[in-house]
Amino acid sequence: MERYIASKRICDKNIDILKLDEETLAYMRDKDIETIRDFIGVQNKLKPKYADVVKKKIKYLIQAMERRGIK
C-alpha cells in the first residue's frame, strides 16, 4: 500500500470532514483515529479496505482546496 502524505493545513482537521460512511467512520473511531494526522501515522497498520476509502477522500479534499487556491 502506498504511503499517503498531506499538507500541514489538512493534517489537523477532524476526520469527520471527509464525510465517511458509517462503517468506515466506526472503524476509525475504534482505532482512536480522530484527525487526518492520526490516520497518516497509522495508515499502514489499517485494513486496506478502510485505508483506501480514507485516502481517496483526502485526495479529493486536497484537490478541492487547490482549486480554491488554498494550499
PDB file of N, CA and C in Angstrom:
ATOM      1  N   MET A   1       0.846  -1.177   0.000  1.00  0.00           N
ATOM      2  CA  MET A   1       0.000   0.000   0.000  1.00  0.00           C
ATOM      3  C   MET A   1       0.894   1.243   0.000  1.00  0.00           C
ATOM      4  N   GLU A   2       0.550   2.164  -0.833  1.00  0.00           N
ATOM      5  CA  GLU A   2       1.309   3.397  -0.967  1.00  0.00           C
ATOM      6  C   GLU A   2       1.060   4.321   0.231  1.00  0.00           C
ATOM      7  N   ARG A   3       2.127   4.898   0.754  1.00  0.00           N
ATOM      8  CA  ARG A   3       2.002   5.797   1.909  1.00  0.00           C
ATOM      9  C   ARG A   3       1.522   7.157   1.425  1.00  0.00           C
ATOM     10  N   TYR A   4       0.591   7.746   2.169  1.00  0.00           N
ATOM     11  CA  TYR A   4      -0.025   8.999   1.747  1.00  0.00           C
ATOM     12  C   TYR A   4       0.444  10.145   2.623  1.00  0.00           C
ATOM     13  N   ILE A   5       0.797  11.259   2.002  1.00  0.00           N
ATOM     14  CA  ILE A   5       1.284  12.431   2.722  1.00  0.00           C
ATOM     15  C   ILE A   5       0.398  13.616   2.368  1.00  0.00           C
ATOM     16  N   ALA A   6       0.011  14.393   3.377  1.00  0.00           N
ATOM     17  CA  ALA A   6      -0.832  15.570   3.156  1.00  0.00           C
ATOM     18  C   ALA A   6      -0.173  16.788   3.788  1.00  0.00           C
ATOM     19  N   SER A   7      -0.602  17.968   3.367  1.00  0.00           N
ATOM     20  CA  SER A   7      -0.010  19.199   3.882  1.00  0.00           C
ATOM     21  C   SER A   7      -0.404  19.435   5.337  1.00  0.00           C
ATOM     22  N   LYS A   8       0.351  20.307   6.016  1.00  0.00           N
ATOM     23  CA  LYS A   8       0.080  20.620   7.417  1.00  0.00           C
ATOM     24  C   LYS A   8      -1.291  21.242   7.595  1.00  0.00           C
ATOM     25  N   ARG A   9      -1.743  21.990   6.624  1.00  0.00           N
ATOM     26  CA  ARG A   9      -3.039  22.659   6.717  1.00  0.00           C
ATOM     27  C   ARG A   9      -4.188  21.649   6.830  1.00  0.00           C
ATOM     28  N   ILE A  10      -4.026  20.521   6.217  1.00  0.00           N
ATOM     29  CA  ILE A  10      -5.068  19.497   6.215  1.00  0.00           C
ATOM     30  C   ILE A  10      -4.920  18.537   7.393  1.00  0.00           C
ATOM     31  N   CYS A  11      -3.709  18.289   7.826  1.00  0.00           N
ATOM     32  CA  CYS A  11      -3.434  17.244   8.819  1.00  0.00           C
ATOM     33  C   CYS A  11      -4.190  17.396  10.132  1.00  0.00           C
ATOM     34  N   ASP A  12      -4.393  18.600  10.600  1.00  0.00           N
ATOM     35  CA  ASP A  12      -5.017  18.792  11.904  1.00  0.00           C
ATOM     36  C   ASP A  12      -6.538  18.829  11.845  1.00  0.00           C
ATOM     37  N   LYS A  13      -7.106  18.636  10.677  1.00  0.00           N
ATOM     38  CA  LYS A  13      -8.566  18.628  10.545  1.00  0.00           C
ATOM     39  C   LYS A  13      -9.136  17.301  11.052  1.00  0.00           C
ATOM     40  N   ASN A  14     -10.333  17.386  11.605  1.00  0.00           N
ATOM     41  CA  ASN A  14     -11.012  16.204  12.120  1.00  0.00           C
ATOM     42  C   ASN A  14     -11.398  15.287  10.960  1.00  0.00           C
ATOM     43  N   ILE A  15     -11.372  14.010  11.204  1.00  0.00           N
ATOM     44  CA  ILE A  15     -11.675  13.024  10.160  1.00  0.00           C
ATOM     45  C   ILE A  15     -13.133  13.118   9.703  1.00  0.00           C
ATOM     46  N   ASP A  16     -13.988  13.754  10.499  1.00  0.00           N
ATOM     47  CA  ASP A  16     -15.408  13.902  10.152  1.00  0.00           C
ATOM     48  C   ASP A  16     -15.621  14.737   8.890  1.00  0.00           C
ATOM     49  N   ILE A  17     -14.697  15.638   8.562  1.00  0.00           N
ATOM     50  CA  ILE A  17     -14.892  16.481   7.377  1.00  0.00           C
ATOM     51  C   ILE A  17     -14.818  15.686   6.081  1.00  0.00           C
ATOM     52  N   LEU A  18     -14.322  14.456   6.147  1.00  0.00           N
ATOM     53  CA  LEU A  18     -14.215  13.627   4.948  1.00  0.00           C
ATOM     54  C   LEU A  18     -15.545  12.991   4.561  1.00  0.00           C
ATOM     55  N   LYS A  19     -16.541  13.096   5.420  1.00  0.00           N
ATOM     56  CA  LYS A  19     -17.885  12.549   5.169  1.00  0.00           C
ATOM     57  C   LYS A  19     -17.815  11.060   4.812  1.00  0.00           C
ATOM     58  N   LEU A  20     -17.214  10.299   5.712  1.00  0.00           N
ATOM     59  CA  LEU A  20     -17.064   8.856   5.525  1.00  0.00           C
ATOM     60  C   LEU A  20     -18.375   8.135   5.808  1.00  0.00           C
ATOM     61  N   ASP A  21     -18.525   6.948   5.224  1.00  0.00           N
ATOM     62  CA  ASP A  21     -19.711   6.145   5.516  1.00  0.00           C
ATOM     63  C   ASP A  21     -19.629   5.644   6.962  1.00  0.00           C
ATOM     64  N   GLU A  22     -20.744   5.194   7.491  1.00  0.00           N
ATOM     65  CA  GLU A  22     -20.851   4.811   8.905  1.00  0.00           C
ATOM     66  C   GLU A  22     -19.879   3.694   9.286  1.00  0.00           C
ATOM     67  N   GLU A  23     -19.727   2.705   8.414  1.00  0.00           N
ATOM     68  CA  GLU A  23     -18.854   1.567   8.715  1.00  0.00           C
ATOM     69  C   GLU A  23     -17.393   2.008   8.830  1.00  0.00           C
ATOM     70  N   THR A  24     -16.939   2.805   7.878  1.00  0.00           N
ATOM     71  CA  THR A  24     -15.554   3.280   7.888  1.00  0.00           C
ATOM     72  C   THR A  24     -15.315   4.200   9.074  1.00  0.00           C
ATOM     73  N   LEU A  25     -16.250   5.093   9.344  1.00  0.00           N
ATOM     74  CA  LEU A  25     -16.114   6.020  10.463  1.00  0.00           C
ATOM     75  C   LEU A  25     -16.065   5.262  11.790  1.00  0.00           C
ATOM     76  N   ALA A  26     -16.886   4.244  11.934  1.00  0.00           N
ATOM     77  CA  ALA A  26     -16.879   3.433  13.155  1.00  0.00           C
ATOM     78  C   ALA A  26     -15.536   2.718  13.320  1.00  0.00           C
ATOM     79  N   TYR A  27     -14.979   2.227  12.220  1.00  0.00           N
ATOM     80  CA  TYR A  27     -13.675   1.559  12.268  1.00  0.00           C
ATOM     81  C   TYR A  27     -12.587   2.544  12.699  1.00  0.00           C
ATOM     82  N   MET A  28     -12.630   3.754  12.156  1.00  0.00           N
ATOM     83  CA  MET A  28     -11.634   4.769  12.515  1.00  0.00           C
ATOM     84  C   MET A  28     -11.758   5.158  13.988  1.00  0.00           C
ATOM     85  N   ARG A  29     -12.970   5.314  14.467  1.00  0.00           N
ATOM     86  CA  ARG A  29     -13.200   5.646  15.883  1.00  0.00           C
ATOM     87  C   ARG A  29     -12.706   4.510  16.783  1.00  0.00           C
ATOM     88  N   ASP A  30     -12.919   3.270  16.347  1.00  0.00           N
ATOM     89  CA  ASP A  30     -12.480   2.109  17.113  1.00  0.00           C
ATOM     90  C   ASP A  30     -10.959   2.084  17.245  1.00  0.00           C
ATOM     91  N   LYS A  31     -10.276   2.559  16.229  1.00  0.00           N
ATOM     92  CA  LYS A  31      -8.808   2.600  16.233  1.00  0.00           C
ATOM     93  C   LYS A  31      -8.270   3.912  16.817  1.00  0.00           C
ATOM     94  N   ASP A  32      -9.136   4.739  17.409  1.00  0.00           N
ATOM     95  CA  ASP A  32      -8.771   6.030  18.021  1.00  0.00           C
ATOM     96  C   ASP A  32      -8.148   6.998  17.026  1.00  0.00           C
ATOM     97  N   ILE A  33      -8.687   7.041  15.825  1.00  0.00           N
ATOM     98  CA  ILE A  33      -8.225   7.971  14.801  1.00  0.00           C
ATOM     99  C   ILE A  33      -9.211   9.130  14.755  1.00  0.00           C
ATOM    100  N   GLU A  34      -8.758  10.299  15.211  1.00  0.00           N
ATOM    101  CA  GLU A  34      -9.631  11.472  15.275  1.00  0.00           C
ATOM    102  C   GLU A  34      -9.310  12.500  14.190  1.00  0.00           C
ATOM    103  N   THR A  35      -8.032  12.620  13.831  1.00  0.00           N
ATOM    104  CA  THR A  35      -7.629  13.618  12.840  1.00  0.00           C
ATOM    105  C   THR A  35      -6.959  12.938  11.651  1.00  0.00           C
ATOM    106  N   ILE A  36      -6.779  13.701  10.596  1.00  0.00           N
ATOM    107  CA  ILE A  36      -6.103  13.171   9.411  1.00  0.00           C
ATOM    108  C   ILE A  36      -4.651  12.835   9.748  1.00  0.00           C
ATOM    109  N   ARG A  37      -4.044  13.607  10.644  1.00  0.00           N
ATOM    110  CA  ARG A  37      -2.669  13.318  11.082  1.00  0.00           C
ATOM    111  C   ARG A  37      -2.601  11.934  11.749  1.00  0.00           C
ATOM    112  N   ASP A  38      -3.592  11.613  12.571  1.00  0.00           N
ATOM    113  CA  ASP A  38      -3.642  10.288  13.204  1.00  0.00           C
ATOM    114  C   ASP A  38      -3.696   9.192  12.143  1.00  0.00           C
ATOM    115  N   PHE A  39      -4.506   9.413  11.114  1.00  0.00           N
ATOM    116  CA  PHE A  39      -4.632   8.426  10.040  1.00  0.00           C
ATOM    117  C   PHE A  39      -3.308   8.234   9.315  1.00  0.00           C
ATOM    118  N   ILE A  40      -2.639   9.328   8.992  1.00  0.00           N
ATOM    119  CA  ILE A  40      -1.383   9.242   8.248  1.00  0.00           C
ATOM    120  C   ILE A  40      -0.339   8.463   9.040  1.00  0.00           C
ATOM    121  N   GLY A  41      -0.342   8.632  10.359  1.00  0.00           N
ATOM    122  CA  GLY A  41       0.628   7.939  11.202  1.00  0.00           C
ATOM    123  C   GLY A  41       0.448   6.432  11.252  1.00  0.00           C
ATOM    124  N   VAL A  42      -0.783   5.958  11.098  1.00  0.00           N
ATOM    125  CA  VAL A  42      -1.045   4.518  11.251  1.00  0.00           C
ATOM    126  C   VAL A  42      -1.633   3.868  10.005  1.00  0.00           C
ATOM    127  N   GLN A  43      -1.585   4.535   8.875  1.00  0.00           N
ATOM    128  CA  GLN A  43      -2.269   4.024   7.688  1.00  0.00           C
ATOM    129  C   GLN A  43      -1.780   2.661   7.225  1.00  0.00           C
ATOM    130  N   ASN A  44      -0.527   2.336   7.466  1.00  0.00           N
ATOM    131  CA  ASN A  44      -0.007   1.032   7.031  1.00  0.00           C
ATOM    132  C   ASN A  44      -0.475  -0.110   7.922  1.00  0.00           C
ATOM    133  N   LYS A  45      -1.018   0.214   9.099  1.00  0.00           N
ATOM    134  CA  LYS A  45      -1.483  -0.812  10.030  1.00  0.00           C
ATOM    135  C   LYS A  45      -2.981  -1.072   9.903  1.00  0.00           C
ATOM    136  N   LEU A  46      -3.675  -0.280   9.101  1.00  0.00           N
ATOM    137  CA  LEU A  46      -5.124  -0.410   8.956  1.00  0.00           C
ATOM    138  C   LEU A  46      -5.468  -1.382   7.834  1.00  0.00           C
ATOM    139  N   LYS A  47      -6.705  -1.867   7.859  1.00  0.00           N
ATOM    140  CA  LYS A  47      -7.176  -2.731   6.782  1.00  0.00           C
ATOM    141  C   LYS A  47      -7.222  -1.926   5.488  1.00  0.00           C
ATOM    142  N   PRO A  48      -6.722  -2.489   4.387  1.00  0.00           N
ATOM    143  CA  PRO A  48      -6.708  -1.760   3.107  1.00  0.00           C
ATOM    144  C   PRO A  48      -8.087  -1.285   2.670  1.00  0.00           C
ATOM    145  N   LYS A  49      -9.116  -2.037   2.996  1.00  0.00           N
ATOM    146  CA  LYS A  49     -10.483  -1.660   2.618  1.00  0.00           C
ATOM    147  C   LYS A  49     -10.829  -0.267   3.140  1.00  0.00           C
ATOM    148  N   TYR A  50     -10.492  -0.007   4.396  1.00  0.00           N
ATOM    149  CA  TYR A  50     -10.822   1.274   5.016  1.00  0.00           C
ATOM    150  C   TYR A  50      -9.791   2.350   4.674  1.00  0.00           C
ATOM    151  N   ALA A  51      -8.531   1.964   4.644  1.00  0.00           N
ATOM    152  CA  ALA A  51      -7.473   2.931   4.359  1.00  0.00           C
ATOM    153  C   ALA A  51      -7.625   3.518   2.956  1.00  0.00           C
ATOM    154  N   ASP A  52      -7.995   2.698   1.985  1.00  0.00           N
ATOM    155  CA  ASP A  52      -8.155   3.184   0.618  1.00  0.00           C
ATOM    156  C   ASP A  52      -9.297   4.188   0.501  1.00  0.00           C
ATOM    157  N   VAL A  53     -10.374   3.951   1.240  1.00  0.00           N
ATOM    158  CA  VAL A  53     -11.510   4.882   1.226  1.00  0.00           C
ATOM    159  C   VAL A  53     -11.079   6.242   1.769  1.00  0.00           C
ATOM    160  N   VAL A  54     -10.361   6.234   2.887  1.00  0.00           N
ATOM    161  CA  VAL A  54      -9.930   7.487   3.510  1.00  0.00           C
ATOM    162  C   VAL A  54      -8.921   8.200   2.617  1.00  0.00           C
ATOM    163  N   LYS A  55      -7.996   7.458   2.020  1.00  0.00           N
ATOM    164  CA  LYS A  55      -7.013   8.067   1.118  1.00  0.00           C
ATOM    165  C   LYS A  55      -7.697   8.774  -0.045  1.00  0.00           C
ATOM    166  N   LYS A  56      -8.709   8.132  -0.604  1.00  0.00           N
ATOM    167  CA  LYS A  56      -9.431   8.718  -1.727  1.00  0.00           C
ATOM    168  C   LYS A  56     -10.120  10.016  -1.304  1.00  0.00           C
ATOM    169  N   LYS A  57     -10.720  10.012  -0.122  1.00  0.00           N
ATOM    170  CA  LYS A  57     -11.407  11.205   0.382  1.00  0.00           C
ATOM    171  C   LYS A  57     -10.414  12.336   0.658  1.00  0.00           C
ATOM    172  N   ILE A  58      -9.238  12.002   1.189  1.00  0.00           N
ATOM    173  CA  ILE A  58      -8.208  13.017   1.435  1.00  0.00           C
ATOM    174  C   ILE A  58      -7.736  13.602   0.109  1.00  0.00           C
ATOM    175  N   LYS A  59      -7.559  12.744  -0.883  1.00  0.00           N
ATOM    176  CA  LYS A  59      -7.140  13.200  -2.213  1.00  0.00           C
ATOM    177  C   LYS A  59      -8.147  14.192  -2.782  1.00  0.00           C
ATOM    178  N   TYR A  60      -9.446  13.886  -2.664  1.00  0.00           N
ATOM    179  CA  TYR A  60     -10.485  14.794  -3.159  1.00  0.00           C
ATOM    180  C   TYR A  60     -10.488  16.106  -2.384  1.00  0.00           C
ATOM    181  N   LEU A  61     -10.243  16.045  -1.075  1.00  0.00           N
ATOM    182  CA  LEU A  61     -10.181  17.252  -0.252  1.00  0.00           C
ATOM    183  C   LEU A  61      -9.021  18.145  -0.695  1.00  0.00           C
ATOM    184  N   ILE A  62      -7.872  17.541  -0.946  1.00  0.00           N
ATOM    185  CA  ILE A  62      -6.700  18.301  -1.397  1.00  0.00           C
ATOM    186  C   ILE A  62      -6.969  18.942  -2.753  1.00  0.00           C
ATOM    187  N   GLN A  63      -7.568  18.193  -3.674  1.00  0.00           N
ATOM    188  CA  GLN A  63      -7.879  18.740  -4.997  1.00  0.00           C
ATOM    189  C   GLN A  63      -8.858  19.900  -4.902  1.00  0.00           C
ATOM    190  N   ALA A  64      -9.852  19.786  -4.044  1.00  0.00           N
ATOM    191  CA  ALA A  64     -10.833  20.864  -3.874  1.00  0.00           C
ATOM    192  C   ALA A  64     -10.173  22.108  -3.299  1.00  0.00           C
ATOM    193  N   MET A  65      -9.268  21.921  -2.352  1.00  0.00           N
ATOM    194  CA  MET A  65      -8.574  23.064  -1.752  1.00  0.00           C
ATOM    195  C   MET A  65      -7.661  23.732  -2.772  1.00  0.00           C
ATOM    196  N   GLU A  66      -7.012  22.942  -3.616  1.00  0.00           N
ATOM    197  CA  GLU A  66      -6.137  23.509  -4.647  1.00  0.00           C
ATOM    198  C   GLU A  66      -6.935  24.303  -5.669  1.00  0.00           C
ATOM    199  N   ARG A  67      -8.113  23.805  -6.035  1.00  0.00           N
ATOM    200  CA  ARG A  67      -8.965  24.532  -6.981  1.00  0.00           C
ATOM    201  C   ARG A  67      -9.383  25.887  -6.420  1.00  0.00           C
ATOM    202  N   ARG A  68      -9.541  25.953  -5.118  1.00  0.00           N
ATOM    203  CA  ARG A  68      -9.935  27.214  -4.479  1.00  0.00           C
ATOM    204  C   ARG A  68      -8.732  28.087  -4.143  1.00  0.00           C
ATOM    205  N   GLY A  69      -7.545  27.600  -4.437  1.00  0.00           N
ATOM    206  CA  GLY A  69      -6.339  28.375  -4.187  1.00  0.00           C
ATOM    207  C   GLY A  69      -5.826  28.272  -2.769  1.00  0.00           C
ATOM    208  N   ILE A  70      -6.285  27.280  -2.023  1.00  0.00           N
ATOM    209  CA  ILE A  70      -5.838  27.078  -0.647  1.00  0.00           C
ATOM    210  C   ILE A  70      -4.805  25.966  -0.653  1.00  0.00           C
ATOM    211  N   LYS A  71      -3.656  26.232  -0.066  1.00  0.00           N
ATOM    212  CA  LYS A  71      -2.603  25.207  -0.031  1.00  0.00           C
ATOM    213  C   LYS A  71      -2.273  24.832   1.375  1.00  0.00           C
TER     214      LYS A  71
END
